[in-house]
Amino acid sequence: MDSGPMFPYIDNPCRYASLYFCMCIDQNDNELEVLEIIHHFVEILDRYFGSVCELDLIFNFHKAYYILDEILIAGELQESSKKTVARLIAAQDSLVEAAKEQESSISNIIAQATK
């Protein structure tokens, strides 16, 4: 009794400059749509990091994952507008900066109180 392949996925490697992107999909998924999603992701990464390179993804993997989370939900394209994704990422970055400033000011208050 053969139930089919153990891993019923197709992987789609794409090369952009020196970066390779791969996405595993079901056999019934549209490969052209996946290629378009990868292209969309790379364009947004380029917009965010300047010309994205391997080091950007290594040292800022959390931002790359955040960008991917803004684009996809449950493997389906959520947001196709690059401007909207850029605006959401900028808002997230400003929230992170505000949290860092607040943490810094709290640390200063604690340091002064313990002197």
PDB file of N, CA and C in Angstrom:
ATOM      1  N   MET A   1       0.846  -1.181   0.000  1.00  0.00           N
ATOM      2  CA  MET A   1       0.000   0.000   0.000  1.00  0.00           C
ATOM      3  C   MET A   1       0.887   1.238   0.000  1.00  0.00           C
ATOM      4  N   ASP A   2       0.923   1.931  -1.115  1.00  0.00           N
ATOM      5  CA  ASP A   2       1.751   3.119  -1.253  1.00  0.00           C
ATOM      6  C   ASP A   2       0.889   4.350  -1.013  1.00  0.00           C
ATOM      7  N   SER A   3       1.287   5.143  -0.038  1.00  0.00           N
ATOM      8  CA  SER A   3       0.514   6.343   0.291  1.00  0.00           C
ATOM      9  C   SER A   3       1.092   7.585  -0.361  1.00  0.00           C
ATOM     10  N   GLY A   4       2.016   7.433  -1.287  1.00  0.00           N
ATOM     11  CA  GLY A   4       2.607   8.578  -1.957  1.00  0.00           C
ATOM     12  C   GLY A   4       3.939   8.941  -1.334  1.00  0.00           C
ATOM     13  N   PRO A   5       4.509  10.039  -1.784  1.00  0.00           N
ATOM     14  CA  PRO A   5       5.814  10.437  -1.265  1.00  0.00           C
ATOM     15  C   PRO A   5       5.737  10.804   0.216  1.00  0.00           C
ATOM     16  N   MET A   6       6.846  10.548   0.910  1.00  0.00           N
ATOM     17  CA  MET A   6       6.879  10.836   2.339  1.00  0.00           C
ATOM     18  C   MET A   6       6.761  12.333   2.598  1.00  0.00           C
ATOM     19  N   PHE A   7       7.427  13.128   1.773  1.00  0.00           N
ATOM     20  CA  PHE A   7       7.365  14.576   1.904  1.00  0.00           C
ATOM     21  C   PHE A   7       6.757  15.140   0.626  1.00  0.00           C
ATOM     22  N   PRO A   8       5.461  15.358   0.596  1.00  0.00           N
ATOM     23  CA  PRO A   8       4.807  15.795  -0.644  1.00  0.00           C
ATOM     24  C   PRO A   8       4.960  17.300  -0.881  1.00  0.00           C
ATOM     25  N   TYR A   9       6.190  17.752  -0.959  1.00  0.00           N
ATOM     26  CA  TYR A   9       6.442  19.172  -1.151  1.00  0.00           C
ATOM     27  C   TYR A   9       7.350  19.379  -2.348  1.00  0.00           C
ATOM     28  N   ILE A  10       7.265  20.554  -2.887  1.00  0.00           N
ATOM     29  CA  ILE A  10       8.161  20.972  -3.952  1.00  0.00           C
ATOM     30  C   ILE A  10       8.909  22.174  -3.402  1.00  0.00           C
ATOM     31  N   ASP A  11      10.213  22.189  -3.553  1.00  0.00           N
ATOM     32  CA  ASP A  11      10.924  23.380  -3.109  1.00  0.00           C
ATOM     33  C   ASP A  11      11.292  24.211  -4.328  1.00  0.00           C
ATOM     34  N   ASN A  12      11.282  25.501  -4.146  1.00  0.00           N
ATOM     35  CA  ASN A  12      11.523  26.438  -5.234  1.00  0.00           C
ATOM     36  C   ASN A  12      12.707  27.328  -4.881  1.00  0.00           C
ATOM     37  N   PRO A  13      13.921  26.944  -5.250  1.00  0.00           N
ATOM     38  CA  PRO A  13      15.040  27.832  -4.946  1.00  0.00           C
ATOM     39  C   PRO A  13      15.072  29.006  -5.919  1.00  0.00           C
ATOM     40  N   CYS A  14      15.298  30.189  -5.392  1.00  0.00           N
ATOM     41  CA  CYS A  14      15.410  31.393  -6.213  1.00  0.00           C
ATOM     42  C   CYS A  14      16.698  32.095  -5.839  1.00  0.00           C
ATOM     43  N   ARG A  15      17.398  32.632  -6.817  1.00  0.00           N
ATOM     44  CA  ARG A  15      18.639  33.339  -6.544  1.00  0.00           C
ATOM     45  C   ARG A  15      18.441  34.810  -6.854  1.00  0.00           C
ATOM     46  N   TYR A  16      18.773  35.644  -5.873  1.00  0.00           N
ATOM     47  CA  TYR A  16      18.760  37.091  -6.032  1.00  0.00           C
ATOM     48  C   TYR A  16      20.128  37.585  -5.615  1.00  0.00           C
ATOM     49  N   ALA A  17      20.895  38.117  -6.575  1.00  0.00           N
ATOM     50  CA  ALA A  17      22.282  38.524  -6.348  1.00  0.00           C
ATOM     51  C   ALA A  17      23.024  37.327  -5.759  1.00  0.00           C
ATOM     52  N   SER A  18      23.522  37.435  -4.543  1.00  0.00           N
ATOM     53  CA  SER A  18      24.252  36.307  -3.944  1.00  0.00           C
ATOM     54  C   SER A  18      23.399  35.541  -2.942  1.00  0.00           C
ATOM     55  N   LEU A  19      22.120  35.869  -2.857  1.00  0.00           N
ATOM     56  CA  LEU A  19      21.231  35.232  -1.883  1.00  0.00           C
ATOM     57  C   LEU A  19      20.360  34.176  -2.561  1.00  0.00           C
ATOM     58  N   TYR A  20      20.146  33.088  -1.859  1.00  0.00           N
ATOM     59  CA  TYR A  20      19.231  32.044  -2.322  1.00  0.00           C
ATOM     60  C   TYR A  20      18.045  31.977  -1.377  1.00  0.00           C
ATOM     61  N   PHE A  21      16.853  31.884  -1.929  1.00  0.00           N
ATOM     62  CA  PHE A  21      15.635  31.751  -1.145  1.00  0.00           C
ATOM     63  C   PHE A  21      14.940  30.470  -1.578  1.00  0.00           C
ATOM     64  N   CYS A  22      14.412  29.758  -0.615  1.00  0.00           N
ATOM     65  CA  CYS A  22      13.739  28.496  -0.894  1.00  0.00           C
ATOM     66  C   CYS A  22      12.456  28.451  -0.076  1.00  0.00           C
ATOM     67  N   MET A  23      11.396  27.982  -0.676  1.00  0.00           N
ATOM     68  CA  MET A  23      10.115  27.899   0.009  1.00  0.00           C
ATOM     69  C   MET A  23       9.510  26.535  -0.296  1.00  0.00           C
ATOM     70  N   CYS A  24       9.116  25.817   0.722  1.00  0.00           N
ATOM     71  CA  CYS A  24       8.484  24.510   0.530  1.00  0.00           C
ATOM     72  C   CYS A  24       6.976  24.691   0.424  1.00  0.00           C
ATOM     73  N   ILE A  25       6.404  24.041  -0.560  1.00  0.00           N
ATOM     74  CA  ILE A  25       4.972  24.191  -0.806  1.00  0.00           C
ATOM     75  C   ILE A  25       4.343  22.823  -1.037  1.00  0.00           C
ATOM     76  N   ASP A  26       3.026  22.778  -0.958  1.00  0.00           N
ATOM     77  CA  ASP A  26       2.283  21.569  -1.302  1.00  0.00           C
ATOM     78  C   ASP A  26       2.305  21.380  -2.817  1.00  0.00           C
ATOM     79  N   GLN A  27       2.065  20.170  -3.243  1.00  0.00           N
ATOM     80  CA  GLN A  27       2.066  19.880  -4.675  1.00  0.00           C
ATOM     81  C   GLN A  27       0.965  20.627  -5.412  1.00  0.00           C
ATOM     82  N   ASN A  28      -0.102  20.961  -4.729  1.00  0.00           N
ATOM     83  CA  ASN A  28      -1.228  21.640  -5.371  1.00  0.00           C
ATOM     84  C   ASN A  28      -1.078  23.152  -5.408  1.00  0.00           C
ATOM     85  N   ASP A  29      -0.069  23.703  -4.719  1.00  0.00           N
ATOM     86  CA  ASP A  29       0.121  25.154  -4.698  1.00  0.00           C
ATOM     87  C   ASP A  29       0.684  25.646  -6.026  1.00  0.00           C
ATOM     88  N   ASN A  30       0.410  26.889  -6.322  1.00  0.00           N
ATOM     89  CA  ASN A  30       0.842  27.513  -7.560  1.00  0.00           C
ATOM     90  C   ASN A  30       2.299  27.962  -7.426  1.00  0.00           C
ATOM     91  N   GLU A  31       3.187  27.371  -8.217  1.00  0.00           N
ATOM     92  CA  GLU A  31       4.610  27.697  -8.134  1.00  0.00           C
ATOM     93  C   GLU A  31       4.892  29.130  -8.564  1.00  0.00           C
ATOM     94  N   LEU A  32       4.157  29.635  -9.527  1.00  0.00           N
ATOM     95  CA  LEU A  32       4.362  31.013  -9.964  1.00  0.00           C
ATOM     96  C   LEU A  32       3.991  32.004  -8.866  1.00  0.00           C
ATOM     97  N   GLU A  33       2.957  31.685  -8.112  1.00  0.00           N
ATOM     98  CA  GLU A  33       2.582  32.542  -6.986  1.00  0.00           C
ATOM     99  C   GLU A  33       3.688  32.547  -5.931  1.00  0.00           C
ATOM    100  N   VAL A  34       4.282  31.401  -5.692  1.00  0.00           N
ATOM    101  CA  VAL A  34       5.377  31.305  -4.720  1.00  0.00           C
ATOM    102  C   VAL A  34       6.577  32.116  -5.190  1.00  0.00           C
ATOM    103  N   LEU A  35       6.902  32.031  -6.467  1.00  0.00           N
ATOM    104  CA  LEU A  35       8.003  32.831  -7.005  1.00  0.00           C
ATOM    105  C   LEU A  35       7.712  34.317  -6.856  1.00  0.00           C
ATOM    106  N   GLU A  36       6.470  34.711  -7.055  1.00  0.00           N
ATOM    107  CA  GLU A  36       6.081  36.112  -6.887  1.00  0.00           C
ATOM    108  C   GLU A  36       6.184  36.540  -5.425  1.00  0.00           C
ATOM    109  N   ILE A  37       5.808  35.672  -4.495  1.00  0.00           N
ATOM    110  CA  ILE A  37       5.917  35.982  -3.063  1.00  0.00           C
ATOM    111  C   ILE A  37       7.385  36.156  -2.675  1.00  0.00           C
ATOM    112  N   ILE A  38       8.247  35.274  -3.169  1.00  0.00           N
ATOM    113  CA  ILE A  38       9.681  35.398  -2.871  1.00  0.00           C
ATOM    114  C   ILE A  38      10.220  36.703  -3.440  1.00  0.00           C
ATOM    115  N   HIS A  39       9.842  37.023  -4.666  1.00  0.00           N
ATOM    116  CA  HIS A  39      10.279  38.275  -5.290  1.00  0.00           C
ATOM    117  C   HIS A  39       9.793  39.482  -4.489  1.00  0.00           C
ATOM    118  N   HIS A  40       8.562  39.445  -4.053  1.00  0.00           N
ATOM    119  CA  HIS A  40       7.976  40.518  -3.236  1.00  0.00           C
ATOM    120  C   HIS A  40       8.757  40.672  -1.925  1.00  0.00           C
ATOM    121  N   PHE A  41       9.079  39.558  -1.274  1.00  0.00           N
ATOM    122  CA  PHE A  41       9.850  39.563  -0.028  1.00  0.00           C
ATOM    123  C   PHE A  41      11.228  40.182  -0.247  1.00  0.00           C
ATOM    124  N   VAL A  42      11.894  39.804  -1.336  1.00  0.00           N
ATOM    125  CA  VAL A  42      13.228  40.337  -1.626  1.00  0.00           C
ATOM    126  C   VAL A  42      13.163  41.833  -1.911  1.00  0.00           C
ATOM    127  N   GLU A  43      12.149  42.278  -2.631  1.00  0.00           N
ATOM    128  CA  GLU A  43      12.009  43.711  -2.903  1.00  0.00           C
ATOM    129  C   GLU A  43      11.819  44.503  -1.617  1.00  0.00           C
ATOM    130  N   ILE A  44      11.040  43.981  -0.687  1.00  0.00           N
ATOM    131  CA  ILE A  44      10.833  44.676   0.584  1.00  0.00           C
ATOM    132  C   ILE A  44      12.116  44.653   1.414  1.00  0.00           C
ATOM    133  N   LEU A  45      12.835  43.531   1.400  1.00  0.00           N
ATOM    134  CA  LEU A  45      14.129  43.478   2.095  1.00  0.00           C
ATOM    135  C   LEU A  45      15.093  44.504   1.508  1.00  0.00           C
ATOM    136  N   ASP A  46      15.121  44.623   0.180  1.00  0.00           N
ATOM    137  CA  ASP A  46      15.979  45.621  -0.469  1.00  0.00           C
ATOM    138  C   ASP A  46      15.598  47.033  -0.053  1.00  0.00           C
ATOM    139  N   ARG A  47      14.316  47.285   0.030  1.00  0.00           N
ATOM    140  CA  ARG A  47      13.848  48.614   0.429  1.00  0.00           C
ATOM    141  C   ARG A  47      14.224  48.913   1.878  1.00  0.00           C
ATOM    142  N   TYR A  48      14.139  47.916   2.744  1.00  0.00           N
ATOM    143  CA  TYR A  48      14.412  48.115   4.166  1.00  0.00           C
ATOM    144  C   TYR A  48      15.908  48.214   4.451  1.00  0.00           C
ATOM    145  N   PHE A  49      16.707  47.301   3.904  1.00  0.00           N
ATOM    146  CA  PHE A  49      18.132  47.246   4.216  1.00  0.00           C
ATOM    147  C   PHE A  49      19.001  48.013   3.227  1.00  0.00           C
ATOM    148  N   GLY A  50      18.432  48.646   2.238  1.00  0.00           N
ATOM    149  CA  GLY A  50      19.245  49.148   1.146  1.00  0.00           C
ATOM    150  C   GLY A  50      19.396  47.983   0.191  1.00  0.00           C
ATOM    151  N   SER A  51      20.573  47.700  -0.256  1.00  0.00           N
ATOM    152  CA  SER A  51      20.782  46.505  -1.078  1.00  0.00           C
ATOM    153  C   SER A  51      21.050  45.343  -0.129  1.00  0.00           C
ATOM    154  N   VAL A  52      20.057  44.481   0.061  1.00  0.00           N
ATOM    155  CA  VAL A  52      20.149  43.416   1.063  1.00  0.00           C
ATOM    156  C   VAL A  52      21.265  42.436   0.704  1.00  0.00           C
ATOM    157  N   CYS A  53      21.994  42.025   1.735  1.00  0.00           N
ATOM    158  CA  CYS A  53      23.054  41.036   1.543  1.00  0.00           C
ATOM    159  C   CYS A  53      22.960  39.994   2.650  1.00  0.00           C
ATOM    160  N   GLU A  54      23.814  38.996   2.563  1.00  0.00           N
ATOM    161  CA  GLU A  54      23.782  37.890   3.520  1.00  0.00           C
ATOM    162  C   GLU A  54      23.983  38.377   4.950  1.00  0.00           C
ATOM    163  N   LEU A  55      24.878  39.335   5.153  1.00  0.00           N
ATOM    164  CA  LEU A  55      25.152  39.829   6.507  1.00  0.00           C
ATOM    165  C   LEU A  55      23.946  40.539   7.111  1.00  0.00           C
ATOM    166  N   ASP A  56      23.164  41.229   6.278  1.00  0.00           N
ATOM    167  CA  ASP A  56      21.936  41.857   6.778  1.00  0.00           C
ATOM    168  C   ASP A  56      21.009  40.805   7.367  1.00  0.00           C
ATOM    169  N   LEU A  57      20.888  39.685   6.684  1.00  0.00           N
ATOM    170  CA  LEU A  57      19.990  38.628   7.150  1.00  0.00           C
ATOM    171  C   LEU A  57      20.563  37.876   8.343  1.00  0.00           C
ATOM    172  N   ILE A  58      21.882  37.759   8.411  1.00  0.00           N
ATOM    173  CA  ILE A  58      22.498  37.066   9.546  1.00  0.00           C
ATOM    174  C   ILE A  58      22.348  37.883  10.821  1.00  0.00           C
ATOM    175  N   PHE A  59      22.681  39.175  10.760  1.00  0.00           N
ATOM    176  CA  PHE A  59      22.689  40.000  11.966  1.00  0.00           C
ATOM    177  C   PHE A  59      21.339  40.629  12.287  1.00  0.00           C
ATOM    178  N   ASN A  60      20.412  40.580  11.350  1.00  0.00           N
ATOM    179  CA  ASN A  60      19.078  41.146  11.572  1.00  0.00           C
ATOM    180  C   ASN A  60      18.001  40.140  11.186  1.00  0.00           C
ATOM    181  N   PHE A  61      18.229  38.874  11.517  1.00  0.00           N
ATOM    182  CA  PHE A  61      17.278  37.830  11.128  1.00  0.00           C
ATOM    183  C   PHE A  61      15.900  38.082  11.728  1.00  0.00           C
ATOM    184  N   HIS A  62      15.863  38.684  12.929  1.00  0.00           N
ATOM    185  CA  HIS A  62      14.572  38.953  13.562  1.00  0.00           C
ATOM    186  C   HIS A  62      13.766  39.960  12.749  1.00  0.00           C
ATOM    187  N   LYS A  63      14.437  40.931  12.124  1.00  0.00           N
ATOM    188  CA  LYS A  63      13.724  41.892  11.277  1.00  0.00           C
ATOM    189  C   LYS A  63      13.254  41.228   9.985  1.00  0.00           C
ATOM    190  N   ALA A  64      14.070  40.335   9.446  1.00  0.00           N
ATOM    191  CA  ALA A  64      13.660  39.609   8.237  1.00  0.00           C
ATOM    192  C   ALA A  64      12.435  38.749   8.524  1.00  0.00           C
ATOM    193  N   TYR A  65      12.419  38.104   9.697  1.00  0.00           N
ATOM    194  CA  TYR A  65      11.248  37.304  10.080  1.00  0.00           C
ATOM    195  C   TYR A  65      10.031  38.196  10.307  1.00  0.00           C
ATOM    196  N   TYR A  66      10.249  39.366  10.889  1.00  0.00           N
ATOM    197  CA  TYR A  66       9.128  40.285  11.101  1.00  0.00           C
ATOM    198  C   TYR A  66       8.537  40.714   9.754  1.00  0.00           C
ATOM    199  N   ILE A  67       9.411  41.018   8.808  1.00  0.00           N
ATOM    200  CA  ILE A  67       8.944  41.408   7.474  1.00  0.00           C
ATOM    201  C   ILE A  67       8.166  40.257   6.834  1.00  0.00           C
ATOM    202  N   LEU A  68       8.696  39.053   6.945  1.00  0.00           N
ATOM    203  CA  LEU A  68       8.007  37.890   6.379  1.00  0.00           C
ATOM    204  C   LEU A  68       6.649  37.678   7.048  1.00  0.00           C
ATOM    205  N   ASP A  69       6.590  37.909   8.364  1.00  0.00           N
ATOM    206  CA  ASP A  69       5.312  37.781   9.077  1.00  0.00           C
ATOM    207  C   ASP A  69       4.305  38.833   8.634  1.00  0.00           C
ATOM    208  N   GLU A  70       4.773  40.001   8.229  1.00  0.00           N
ATOM    209  CA  GLU A  70       3.862  41.030   7.726  1.00  0.00           C
ATOM    210  C   GLU A  70       3.332  40.671   6.343  1.00  0.00           C
ATOM    211  N   ILE A  71       4.110  39.917   5.583  1.00  0.00           N
ATOM    212  CA  ILE A  71       3.721  39.560   4.220  1.00  0.00           C
ATOM    213  C   ILE A  71       2.817  38.328   4.192  1.00  0.00           C
ATOM    214  N   LEU A  72       3.137  37.321   5.000  1.00  0.00           N
ATOM    215  CA  LEU A  72       2.433  36.036   4.955  1.00  0.00           C
ATOM    216  C   LEU A  72       1.698  35.733   6.251  1.00  0.00           C
ATOM    217  N   ILE A  73       0.560  35.094   6.125  1.00  0.00           N
ATOM    218  CA  ILE A  73      -0.143  34.495   7.266  1.00  0.00           C
ATOM    219  C   ILE A  73      -0.541  33.092   6.825  1.00  0.00           C
ATOM    220  N   ALA A  74      -0.116  32.101   7.601  1.00  0.00           N
ATOM    221  CA  ALA A  74      -0.415  30.688   7.318  1.00  0.00           C
ATOM    222  C   ALA A  74      -0.004  30.299   5.897  1.00  0.00           C
ATOM    223  N   GLY A  75       1.116  30.864   5.435  1.00  0.00           N
ATOM    224  CA  GLY A  75       1.626  30.517   4.119  1.00  0.00           C
ATOM    225  C   GLY A  75       0.932  31.194   2.961  1.00  0.00           C
ATOM    226  N   GLU A  76      -0.006  32.072   3.240  1.00  0.00           N
ATOM    227  CA  GLU A  76      -0.730  32.782   2.184  1.00  0.00           C
ATOM    228  C   GLU A  76      -0.372  34.261   2.222  1.00  0.00           C
ATOM    229  N   LEU A  77      -0.345  34.878   1.056  1.00  0.00           N
ATOM    230  CA  LEU A  77      -0.017  36.290   0.953  1.00  0.00           C
ATOM    231  C   LEU A  77      -1.055  37.121   1.695  1.00  0.00           C
ATOM    232  N   GLN A  78      -0.579  37.912   2.651  1.00  0.00           N
ATOM    233  CA  GLN A  78      -1.468  38.767   3.434  1.00  0.00           C
ATOM    234  C   GLN A  78      -1.463  40.189   2.895  1.00  0.00           C
ATOM    235  N   GLU A  79      -0.269  40.733   2.663  1.00  0.00           N
ATOM    236  CA  GLU A  79      -0.151  42.129   2.262  1.00  0.00           C
ATOM    237  C   GLU A  79       0.691  42.228   0.998  1.00  0.00           C
ATOM    238  N   SER A  80       0.087  42.729  -0.068  1.00  0.00           N
ATOM    239  CA  SER A  80       0.804  42.841  -1.333  1.00  0.00           C
ATOM    240  C   SER A  80       1.366  44.239  -1.564  1.00  0.00           C
ATOM    241  N   SER A  81       0.981  45.194  -0.737  1.00  0.00           N
ATOM    242  CA  SER A  81       1.454  46.564  -0.902  1.00  0.00           C
ATOM    243  C   SER A  81       2.794  46.760  -0.198  1.00  0.00           C
ATOM    244  N   LYS A  82       3.815  47.106  -0.971  1.00  0.00           N
ATOM    245  CA  LYS A  82       5.135  47.347  -0.385  1.00  0.00           C
ATOM    246  C   LYS A  82       5.117  48.578   0.513  1.00  0.00           C
ATOM    247  N   LYS A  83       4.334  49.588   0.145  1.00  0.00           N
ATOM    248  CA  LYS A  83       4.247  50.805   0.961  1.00  0.00           C
ATOM    249  C   LYS A  83       3.634  50.510   2.323  1.00  0.00           C
ATOM    250  N   THR A  84       2.607  49.690   2.350  1.00  0.00           N
ATOM    251  CA  THR A  84       1.961  49.338   3.619  1.00  0.00           C
ATOM    252  C   THR A  84       2.911  48.558   4.504  1.00  0.00           C
ATOM    253  N   VAL A  85       3.618  47.601   3.931  1.00  0.00           N
ATOM    254  CA  VAL A  85       4.578  46.818   4.714  1.00  0.00           C
ATOM    255  C   VAL A  85       5.683  47.726   5.239  1.00  0.00           C
ATOM    256  N   ALA A  86       6.182  48.639   4.404  1.00  0.00           N
ATOM    257  CA  ALA A  86       7.230  49.568   4.844  1.00  0.00           C
ATOM    258  C   ALA A  86       6.727  50.449   5.985  1.00  0.00           C
ATOM    259  N   ARG A  87       5.480  50.901   5.897  1.00  0.00           N
ATOM    260  CA  ARG A  87       4.906  51.731   6.965  1.00  0.00           C
ATOM    261  C   ARG A  87       4.777  50.941   8.261  1.00  0.00           C
ATOM    262  N   LEU A  88       4.336  49.693   8.181  1.00  0.00           N
ATOM    263  CA  LEU A  88       4.202  48.853   9.374  1.00  0.00           C
ATOM    264  C   LEU A  88       5.556  48.556  10.007  1.00  0.00           C
ATOM    265  N   ILE A  89       6.557  48.337   9.183  1.00  0.00           N
ATOM    266  CA  ILE A  89       7.899  48.060   9.700  1.00  0.00           C
ATOM    267  C   ILE A  89       8.472  49.306  10.364  1.00  0.00           C
ATOM    268  N   ALA A  90       8.258  50.469   9.756  1.00  0.00           N
ATOM    269  CA  ALA A  90       8.732  51.717  10.360  1.00  0.00           C
ATOM    270  C   ALA A  90       8.050  51.958  11.702  1.00  0.00           C
ATOM    271  N   ALA A  91       6.763  51.664  11.799  1.00  0.00           N
ATOM    272  CA  ALA A  91       6.047  51.814  13.072  1.00  0.00           C
ATOM    273  C   ALA A  91       6.612  50.861  14.115  1.00  0.00           C
ATOM    274  N   GLN A  92       6.905  49.628  13.718  1.00  0.00           N
ATOM    275  CA  GLN A  92       7.498  48.657  14.646  1.00  0.00           C
ATOM    276  C   GLN A  92       8.874  49.123  15.110  1.00  0.00           C
ATOM    277  N   ASP A  93       9.682  49.649  14.186  1.00  0.00           N
ATOM    278  CA  ASP A  93      11.009  50.147  14.556  1.00  0.00           C
ATOM    279  C   ASP A  93      10.915  51.305  15.538  1.00  0.00           C
ATOM    280  N   SER A  94       9.938  52.199  15.336  1.00  0.00           N
ATOM    281  CA  SER A  94       9.783  53.324  16.266  1.00  0.00           C
ATOM    282  C   SER A  94       9.328  52.841  17.639  1.00  0.00           C
ATOM    283  N   LEU A  95       8.491  51.806  17.688  1.00  0.00           N
ATOM    284  CA  LEU A  95       8.090  51.231  18.978  1.00  0.00           C
ATOM    285  C   LEU A  95       9.281  50.609  19.704  1.00  0.00           C
ATOM    286  N   VAL A  96      10.139  49.937  18.960  1.00  0.00           N
ATOM    287  CA  VAL A  96      11.333  49.334  19.561  1.00  0.00           C
ATOM    288  C   VAL A  96      12.249  50.420  20.111  1.00  0.00           C
ATOM    289  N   GLU A  97      12.444  51.490  19.350  1.00  0.00           N
ATOM    290  CA  GLU A  97      13.286  52.594  19.819  1.00  0.00           C
ATOM    291  C   GLU A  97      12.701  53.250  21.061  1.00  0.00           C
ATOM    292  N   ALA A  98      11.387  53.447  21.084  1.00  0.00           N
ATOM    293  CA  ALA A  98      10.741  54.040  22.263  1.00  0.00           C
ATOM    294  C   ALA A  98      10.908  53.136  23.477  1.00  0.00           C
ATOM    295  N   ALA A  99      10.802  51.839  23.288  1.00  0.00           N
ATOM    296  CA  ALA A  99      10.981  50.900  24.401  1.00  0.00           C
ATOM    297  C   ALA A  99      12.416  50.927  24.907  1.00  0.00           C
ATOM    298  N   LYS A 100      13.385  51.044  23.989  1.00  0.00           N
ATOM    299  CA  LYS A 100      14.792  51.127  24.400  1.00  0.00           C
ATOM    300  C   LYS A 100      15.050  52.404  25.194  1.00  0.00           C
ATOM    301  N   GLU A 101      14.474  53.523  24.747  1.00  0.00           N
ATOM    302  CA  GLU A 101      14.643  54.783  25.469  1.00  0.00           C
ATOM    303  C   GLU A 101      14.015  54.706  26.850  1.00  0.00           C
ATOM    304  N   GLN A 102      12.845  54.114  26.937  1.00  0.00           N
ATOM    305  CA  GLN A 102      12.176  53.971  28.226  1.00  0.00           C
ATOM    306  C   GLN A 102      12.992  53.069  29.149  1.00  0.00           C
ATOM    307  N   GLU A 103      13.528  51.987  28.622  1.00  0.00           N
ATOM    308  CA  GLU A 103      14.361  51.084  29.420  1.00  0.00           C
ATOM    309  C   GLU A 103      15.612  51.804  29.903  1.00  0.00           C
ATOM    310  N   SER A 104      16.193  52.617  29.032  1.00  0.00           N
ATOM    311  CA  SER A 104      17.387  53.379  29.394  1.00  0.00           C
ATOM    312  C   SER A 104      17.080  54.382  30.496  1.00  0.00           C
ATOM    313  N   SER A 105      15.941  55.071  30.398  1.00  0.00           N
ATOM    314  CA  SER A 105      15.594  56.060  31.425  1.00  0.00           C
ATOM    315  C   SER A 105      15.279  55.381  32.756  1.00  0.00           C
ATOM    316  N   ILE A 106      14.649  54.221  32.717  1.00  0.00           N
ATOM    317  CA  ILE A 106      14.368  53.481  33.954  1.00  0.00           C
ATOM    318  C   ILE A 106      15.679  53.027  34.592  1.00  0.00           C
ATOM    319  N   SER A 107      16.627  52.579  33.774  1.00  0.00           N
ATOM    320  CA  SER A 107      17.932  52.164  34.296  1.00  0.00           C
ATOM    321  C   SER A 107      18.649  53.335  34.947  1.00  0.00           C
ATOM    322  N   ASN A 108      18.548  54.522  34.336  1.00  0.00           N
ATOM    323  CA  ASN A 108      19.171  55.718  34.914  1.00  0.00           C
ATOM    324  C   ASN A 108      18.529  56.085  36.244  1.00  0.00           C
ATOM    325  N   ILE A 109      17.217  55.988  36.330  1.00  0.00           N
ATOM    326  CA  ILE A 109      16.509  56.302  37.580  1.00  0.00           C
ATOM    327  C   ILE A 109      16.936  55.334  38.673  1.00  0.00           C
ATOM    328  N   ILE A 110      17.032  54.056  38.345  1.00  0.00           N
ATOM    329  CA  ILE A 110      17.451  53.049  39.332  1.00  0.00           C
ATOM    330  C   ILE A 110      18.888  53.300  39.763  1.00  0.00           C
ATOM    331  N   ALA A 111      19.758  53.632  38.810  1.00  0.00           N
ATOM    332  CA  ALA A 111      21.162  53.896  39.135  1.00  0.00           C
ATOM    333  C   ALA A 111      21.293  55.102  40.055  1.00  0.00           C
ATOM    334  N   GLN A 112      20.516  56.154  39.801  1.00  0.00           N
ATOM    335  CA  GLN A 112      20.567  57.347  40.652  1.00  0.00           C
ATOM    336  C   GLN A 112      19.992  57.064  42.028  1.00  0.00           C
ATOM    337  N   ALA A 113      18.980  56.244  42.108  1.00  0.00           N
ATOM    338  CA  ALA A 113      18.347  55.943  43.396  1.00  0.00           C
ATOM    339  C   ALA A 113      19.234  55.071  44.270  1.00  0.00           C
ATOM    340  N   THR A 114      20.086  54.274  43.660  1.00  0.00           N
ATOM    341  CA  THR A 114      20.944  53.382  44.447  1.00  0.00           C
ATOM    342  C   THR A 114      22.280  54.004  44.796  1.00  0.00           C
ATOM    343  N   LYS A 115      22.536  55.237  44.393  1.00  0.00           N
ATOM    344  CA  LYS A 115      23.806  55.912  44.735  1.00  0.00           C
ATOM    345  C   LYS A 115      23.836  56.303  46.179  1.00  0.00           C
TER     346      LYS A 115
END
